[in-house]
Amino acid sequence: MKLVFATHNQNKFNEVKELLPTYITLVSLTDIDCHDEIPETAETLEGNAQLKADYVTQNYGLPCFADDTGLLVDELNGAPGVYSARYAGDKKDSDDNMNKLLAELKGSKDRSARFKTIVALNLNEDNILFTGIAEGEITTTKSGLKGFGYDPIFQPKGYDKTFAELPLKTKNEISHRGKAIQQLVSFLSKLPSK
């Protein structure tokens, strides 16, 4: 089965590819010659994930899944949320985003947060959503070189390391994206002809 993962982010693509069984051939937007920046204009993670999946299905006629992820910080009433990638501006710079978040939480006692990923799958005329959540907290400083995005300042519950310090295998088992992709894989494995 060939599936398009609607992303240009190579780190994200590699992370997801690790989770998929061998019968799924995963291709990126670049692989299908789609170099467009797909607009993410919805007000929800669900809406943005569906917009990206629909864009590929409508313009390329291929089975596809897309994800959208938000970091929801309790002290900031769920911000940055749907605006996580553009929190510090349209450049989508991870360091700028982390620096802004750390500055806003300076002195805060409540640093609890969660990552939420929505995966939207378009397959055989069906649209299915999968949700993964990882609970944790925002650290006071950046730590670790692995991962991407907010990984260096997110410490998952039950761990004393950030996502950026954990091995990819461990991160994939406990992360928001990992959980959503595991649901996707479980769904695909039950299809009559893989």
Protein backbone atom coordinates (compact mmCIF):
# COMPACT_ATOMS: atom_id res chain seq x y z
CA MET A 1 0.00 0.00 0.00
CA LYS A 2 1.34 3.41 -0.99
CA LEU A 3 0.42 6.33 1.23
CA VAL A 4 1.31 9.99 1.01
CA PHE A 5 2.25 11.68 4.26
CA ALA A 6 1.43 15.34 3.62
CA THR A 7 4.59 16.92 5.00
CA HIS A 8 7.75 18.67 3.82
CA ASN A 9 9.32 18.18 7.26
CA GLN A 10 11.98 15.48 6.86
CA ASN A 11 12.38 15.00 10.63
CA LYS A 12 8.67 14.34 11.02
CA PHE A 13 8.66 12.08 7.95
CA ASN A 14 11.53 9.96 9.31
CA GLU A 15 9.87 9.71 12.73
CA VAL A 16 6.61 8.46 11.23
CA LYS A 17 8.29 6.10 8.76
CA GLU A 18 9.90 4.28 11.71
CA LEU A 19 6.43 3.46 13.03
CA LEU A 20 4.92 2.01 9.86
CA PRO A 21 4.91 -1.67 8.87
CA THR A 22 6.83 -2.73 5.77
CA TYR A 23 3.70 -3.24 3.66
CA ILE A 24 3.15 0.55 3.67
CA THR A 25 5.28 2.53 1.24
CA LEU A 26 5.41 6.03 2.64
CA VAL A 27 6.03 8.99 0.34
CA SER A 28 6.28 12.70 1.18
CA LEU A 29 4.93 15.76 -0.60
CA THR A 30 8.35 16.21 -2.23
CA ASP A 31 8.20 12.62 -3.54
CA ILE A 32 4.94 13.37 -5.40
CA ASP A 33 6.36 16.65 -6.71
CA CYS A 34 4.15 18.81 -4.50
CA HIS A 35 6.18 21.80 -3.41
CA ASP A 36 3.23 23.95 -2.33
CA GLU A 37 2.93 25.32 1.18
CA ILE A 38 -0.54 23.95 1.95
CA PRO A 39 -2.56 26.62 3.79
CA GLU A 40 -3.41 25.80 7.40
CA THR A 41 -6.25 28.24 7.90
CA ALA A 42 -8.52 26.21 10.20
CA GLU A 43 -9.05 27.20 13.83
CA THR A 44 -8.50 23.64 15.09
CA LEU A 45 -5.85 20.93 14.79
CA GLU A 46 -8.51 18.63 13.33
CA GLY A 47 -9.39 21.19 10.69
CA ASN A 48 -5.78 21.80 9.64
CA ALA A 49 -4.95 18.09 9.42
CA GLN A 50 -8.03 17.55 7.23
CA LEU A 51 -7.20 20.58 5.01
CA LYS A 52 -3.76 19.13 4.26
CA ALA A 53 -5.04 15.63 3.57
CA ASP A 54 -7.84 16.99 1.35
CA TYR A 55 -5.39 19.13 -0.62
CA VAL A 56 -3.38 16.06 -1.63
CA THR A 57 -6.43 13.90 -2.34
CA GLN A 58 -8.12 16.58 -4.45
CA ASN A 59 -5.03 17.70 -6.38
CA TYR A 60 -3.15 14.42 -6.76
CA GLY A 61 -5.85 11.75 -6.36
CA LEU A 62 -3.73 9.76 -3.93
CA PRO A 63 -4.53 8.13 -0.58
CA CYS A 64 -3.04 10.39 2.02
CA PHE A 65 -2.73 11.23 5.66
CA ALA A 66 -1.71 14.50 7.29
CA ASP A 67 -1.14 15.59 10.82
CA ASP A 68 -1.35 18.75 12.81
CA THR A 69 0.15 19.10 16.25
CA GLY A 70 -0.26 21.67 18.95
CA LEU A 71 1.46 22.27 22.26
CA LEU A 72 -1.14 23.18 24.86
CA VAL A 73 0.18 24.90 27.97
CA ASP A 74 -2.20 25.11 30.96
CA GLU A 75 -0.78 28.38 32.35
CA LEU A 76 -1.38 30.01 28.93
CA ASN A 77 -4.98 28.74 28.58
CA GLY A 78 -4.00 26.16 25.94
CA ALA A 79 -1.68 28.42 23.92
CA PRO A 80 0.19 28.17 21.63
CA GLY A 81 -2.19 25.39 20.50
CA VAL A 82 -3.14 25.54 16.83
CA TYR A 83 -0.56 28.33 16.35
CA SER A 84 2.37 26.31 17.74
CA ALA A 85 4.46 26.35 14.54
CA ARG A 86 3.96 30.10 14.07
CA TYR A 87 3.96 31.11 17.75
CA ALA A 88 6.82 33.62 17.38
CA GLY A 89 5.99 34.59 13.79
CA ASP A 90 5.51 33.32 10.26
CA LYS A 91 9.15 32.20 9.94
CA LYS A 92 8.17 29.06 11.92
CA ASP A 93 11.52 29.19 13.74
CA SER A 94 11.69 26.58 16.51
CA ASP A 95 14.23 28.50 18.60
CA ASP A 96 12.17 31.68 18.43
CA ASN A 97 9.04 29.72 19.41
CA MET A 98 10.78 28.08 22.38
CA ASN A 99 12.34 31.35 23.53
CA LYS A 100 8.96 33.10 23.45
CA LEU A 101 7.30 30.28 25.40
CA LEU A 102 10.07 30.14 28.02
CA ALA A 103 9.86 33.93 28.44
CA GLU A 104 6.08 33.79 28.90
CA LEU A 105 6.38 31.05 31.52
CA LYS A 106 9.22 32.73 33.43
CA GLY A 107 8.47 32.47 37.14
CA SER A 108 5.38 30.26 36.59
CA LYS A 109 4.92 27.41 39.04
CA ASP A 110 2.45 25.54 36.83
CA ARG A 111 4.39 24.33 33.80
CA SER A 112 2.05 21.47 32.89
CA ALA A 113 1.43 21.00 29.17
CA ARG A 114 0.50 18.42 26.59
CA PHE A 115 1.20 17.78 22.97
CA LYS A 116 -1.83 16.85 20.90
CA THR A 117 -1.58 15.37 17.41
CA ILE A 118 -4.47 14.82 15.04
CA VAL A 119 -3.90 12.54 12.04
CA ALA A 120 -6.43 12.81 9.21
CA LEU A 121 -6.55 9.87 6.80
CA ASN A 122 -8.22 10.06 3.38
CA LEU A 123 -8.57 6.55 2.01
CA ASN A 124 -11.17 5.04 -0.33
CA GLU A 125 -13.59 7.98 0.01
CA ASP A 126 -13.35 7.77 3.82
CA ASN A 127 -12.01 10.46 6.16
CA ILE A 128 -10.87 9.15 9.53
CA LEU A 129 -9.27 11.08 12.40
CA PHE A 130 -6.87 9.68 14.99
CA THR A 131 -5.77 11.51 18.16
CA GLY A 132 -2.63 11.17 20.24
CA ILE A 133 -1.82 13.07 23.44
CA ALA A 134 1.39 13.21 25.46
CA GLU A 135 1.22 14.78 28.92
CA GLY A 136 4.21 16.50 30.45
CA GLU A 137 5.65 19.85 31.42
CA ILE A 138 7.71 22.68 30.02
CA THR A 139 11.26 22.78 31.35
CA THR A 140 12.97 26.04 32.32
CA THR A 141 15.83 25.58 29.81
CA LYS A 142 16.43 23.81 26.50
CA SER A 143 18.01 20.41 26.75
CA GLY A 144 18.94 17.82 24.11
CA LEU A 145 19.77 17.81 20.41
CA LYS A 146 17.41 15.16 19.04
CA GLY A 147 13.90 15.75 17.76
CA PHE A 148 12.54 19.04 16.47
CA GLY A 149 10.08 21.79 17.31
CA TYR A 150 9.50 22.17 21.05
CA ASP A 151 11.18 18.83 21.92
CA PRO A 152 14.11 20.43 23.84
CA ILE A 153 11.73 22.05 26.38
CA PHE A 154 9.07 19.33 26.73
CA GLN A 155 9.59 16.73 29.43
CA PRO A 156 7.06 13.88 29.14
CA LYS A 157 5.34 12.65 32.28
CA GLY A 158 7.28 9.90 34.04
CA TYR A 159 10.63 10.84 32.45
CA ASP A 160 13.49 13.02 33.62
CA LYS A 161 14.60 13.86 30.10
CA THR A 162 13.09 16.01 27.36
CA PHE A 163 11.85 14.57 24.06
CA ALA A 164 15.07 15.97 22.53
CA GLU A 165 17.17 13.80 24.88
CA LEU A 166 15.27 10.54 24.45
CA PRO A 167 16.16 7.92 21.81
CA LEU A 168 13.76 8.02 18.82
CA LYS A 169 12.44 4.54 19.65
CA THR A 170 11.43 5.66 23.16
CA LYS A 171 9.97 8.94 21.93
CA ASN A 172 7.89 7.13 19.29
CA GLU A 173 6.42 4.81 21.94
CA ILE A 174 5.21 7.62 24.20
CA SER A 175 4.79 10.67 21.99
CA HIS A 176 1.57 12.27 20.80
CA ARG A 177 2.45 11.62 17.16
CA GLY A 178 3.53 8.07 17.94
CA LYS A 179 0.19 7.32 19.62
CA ALA A 180 -1.85 8.77 16.74
CA ILE A 181 0.22 6.87 14.15
CA GLN A 182 -0.15 3.63 16.13
CA GLN A 183 -3.93 4.05 15.86
CA LEU A 184 -3.57 4.69 12.12
CA VAL A 185 -1.47 1.53 11.70
CA SER A 186 -3.97 -0.50 13.73
CA PHE A 187 -6.77 0.75 11.46
CA LEU A 188 -4.84 0.00 8.25
CA SER A 189 -3.89 -3.48 9.46
CA LYS A 190 -7.59 -4.42 9.66
CA LEU A 191 -8.34 -3.49 6.04
CA PRO A 192 -9.22 -6.47 3.83
CA SER A 193 -6.46 -5.96 1.27
CA LYS A 194 -3.36 -4.20 2.46
